[in-house]
Amino acid sequence: MVFRKASEIIPVPLENVMGGEGTVMMEKLLMAPEEMLGKGRAYVRHTLNPGVSIGQHKHENEMESMVIVAGHAVHVINGETQHLSAGDIIAAMPGDTHGIACEGKEPLVLIAQVLYQ
């Protein structure tokens, strides 16, 4: 069993993630790979303030799912632009290239999980 109180989750600032703009605040929800049974490398909550983005990057031998918790995002995957809001989910499959940015005046909060193929 894994149990972690919210007060134990420490936000870590990440600058220019994947070549993106600004500072992403990252909170590790599970410690990977040990708390993911060796099946993934990340289970995190990201907060992106207005103007902040995660740059375009390609997933090799892994997939990433993201659930939008709050705010609005512009997500570009394989050249296709999608506008996302709270409750929307995307999954970038092996070989996909994507990036995401906060769109609007409120912070974008998302939960991302990266699993090995």
Protein backbone atom coordinates (compact mmCIF):
# COMPACT_ATOMS: atom_id res chain seq x y z
CA MET A 1 0.00 0.00 0.00
CA VAL A 2 1.11 3.54 -0.70
CA PHE A 3 -0.26 6.35 1.43
CA ARG A 4 0.96 9.90 1.21
CA LYS A 5 -0.58 12.98 2.83
CA ALA A 6 -0.88 16.09 0.68
CA SER A 7 1.46 17.91 3.09
CA GLU A 8 4.20 15.38 2.23
CA ILE A 9 4.10 16.12 -1.50
CA ILE A 10 6.76 18.71 -2.27
CA PRO A 11 6.39 20.91 -5.39
CA VAL A 12 9.61 21.05 -7.42
CA PRO A 13 10.15 23.84 -9.99
CA LEU A 14 11.26 22.61 -13.42
CA GLU A 15 12.56 25.19 -15.88
CA ASN A 16 11.92 24.99 -19.64
CA VAL A 17 10.56 21.40 -19.58
CA MET A 18 11.27 19.67 -22.92
CA GLY A 19 12.27 23.07 -24.31
CA GLY A 20 9.02 24.72 -23.22
CA GLU A 21 8.55 28.17 -21.72
CA GLY A 22 8.69 29.10 -18.05
CA THR A 23 8.55 27.05 -14.87
CA VAL A 24 6.41 23.94 -14.40
CA MET A 25 5.69 23.06 -10.77
CA MET A 26 5.95 19.26 -10.55
CA GLU A 27 4.69 17.13 -7.67
CA LYS A 28 5.59 13.42 -7.63
CA LEU A 29 2.44 11.54 -6.64
CA LEU A 30 4.13 8.13 -6.84
CA MET A 31 7.85 7.42 -6.72
CA ALA A 32 8.74 5.74 -9.98
CA PRO A 33 9.50 3.08 -10.86
CA GLU A 34 9.30 1.37 -7.44
CA GLU A 35 5.77 2.54 -6.53
CA MET A 36 4.57 1.85 -10.10
CA LEU A 37 5.53 -1.84 -9.98
CA GLY A 38 8.34 -1.11 -12.44
CA LYS A 39 5.80 -0.36 -15.18
CA GLY A 40 6.27 3.38 -15.47
CA ARG A 41 8.55 6.33 -14.93
CA ALA A 42 6.18 9.06 -13.79
CA TYR A 43 2.92 9.71 -11.98
CA VAL A 44 2.90 13.44 -11.31
CA ARG A 45 0.78 16.54 -10.92
CA HIS A 46 1.96 19.51 -12.97
CA THR A 47 0.88 23.11 -12.50
CA LEU A 48 1.54 25.50 -15.37
CA ASN A 49 0.81 29.18 -14.88
CA PRO A 50 -0.30 31.33 -17.83
CA GLY A 51 2.44 31.48 -20.47
CA VAL A 52 4.06 28.22 -19.29
CA SER A 53 4.41 25.20 -21.57
CA ILE A 54 5.93 21.74 -21.85
CA GLY A 55 7.70 21.61 -25.21
CA GLN A 56 7.16 19.15 -28.02
CA HIS A 57 8.67 15.74 -27.23
CA LYS A 58 8.40 12.21 -28.59
CA HIS A 59 7.49 9.11 -26.60
CA GLU A 60 9.59 6.07 -27.46
CA ASN A 61 8.55 2.70 -26.00
CA GLU A 62 6.17 4.39 -23.56
CA MET A 63 2.81 6.13 -23.42
CA GLU A 64 1.68 9.17 -21.48
CA SER A 65 -1.83 9.88 -20.32
CA MET A 66 -2.88 13.26 -18.96
CA VAL A 67 -6.06 14.30 -17.18
CA ILE A 68 -6.82 18.01 -17.00
CA VAL A 69 -7.79 18.81 -13.40
CA ALA A 70 -8.21 22.59 -13.69
CA GLY A 71 -7.71 25.35 -16.21
CA HIS A 72 -7.43 25.27 -19.97
CA ALA A 73 -4.72 23.90 -22.26
CA VAL A 74 -3.67 23.86 -25.86
CA HIS A 75 -2.25 20.43 -26.67
CA VAL A 76 -0.50 19.71 -29.96
CA ILE A 77 -0.07 16.04 -30.82
CA ASN A 78 1.38 14.86 -34.12
CA GLY A 79 0.63 18.31 -35.56
CA GLU A 80 -3.04 18.32 -34.46
CA THR A 81 -4.11 21.10 -32.09
CA GLN A 82 -6.60 20.31 -29.31
CA HIS A 83 -8.10 22.70 -26.77
CA LEU A 84 -8.62 20.98 -23.42
CA SER A 85 -10.36 21.84 -20.17
CA ALA A 86 -11.08 20.23 -16.79
CA GLY A 87 -12.08 16.59 -17.12
CA ASP A 88 -10.55 16.05 -20.56
CA ILE A 89 -8.01 13.27 -21.04
CA ILE A 90 -5.41 12.58 -23.71
CA ALA A 91 -3.04 9.70 -24.27
CA ALA A 92 0.15 10.01 -26.30
CA MET A 93 1.04 6.54 -27.55
CA PRO A 94 4.51 5.18 -28.45
CA GLY A 95 5.85 7.19 -31.39
CA ASP A 96 3.59 10.20 -30.78
CA THR A 97 5.07 13.70 -30.46
CA HIS A 98 3.25 16.23 -28.32
CA GLY A 99 3.46 19.31 -26.11
CA ILE A 100 1.05 21.24 -23.91
CA ALA A 101 0.64 24.84 -22.77
CA CYS A 102 -1.51 26.73 -20.33
CA GLU A 103 -4.20 28.60 -22.24
CA GLY A 104 -6.07 31.38 -20.50
CA LYS A 105 -5.67 33.39 -17.31
CA GLU A 106 -5.86 30.64 -14.69
CA PRO A 107 -3.26 27.97 -13.91
CA LEU A 108 -3.42 24.65 -15.74
CA VAL A 109 -3.30 21.65 -13.41
CA LEU A 110 -2.90 18.18 -14.87
CA ILE A 111 -2.05 14.69 -13.72
CA ALA A 112 0.31 12.79 -16.00
CA GLN A 113 1.26 9.13 -15.98
CA VAL A 114 4.02 7.66 -18.15
CA LEU A 115 3.94 3.88 -18.60
CA TYR A 116 6.47 1.63 -20.31
CA GLN A 117 5.38 -0.25 -23.44
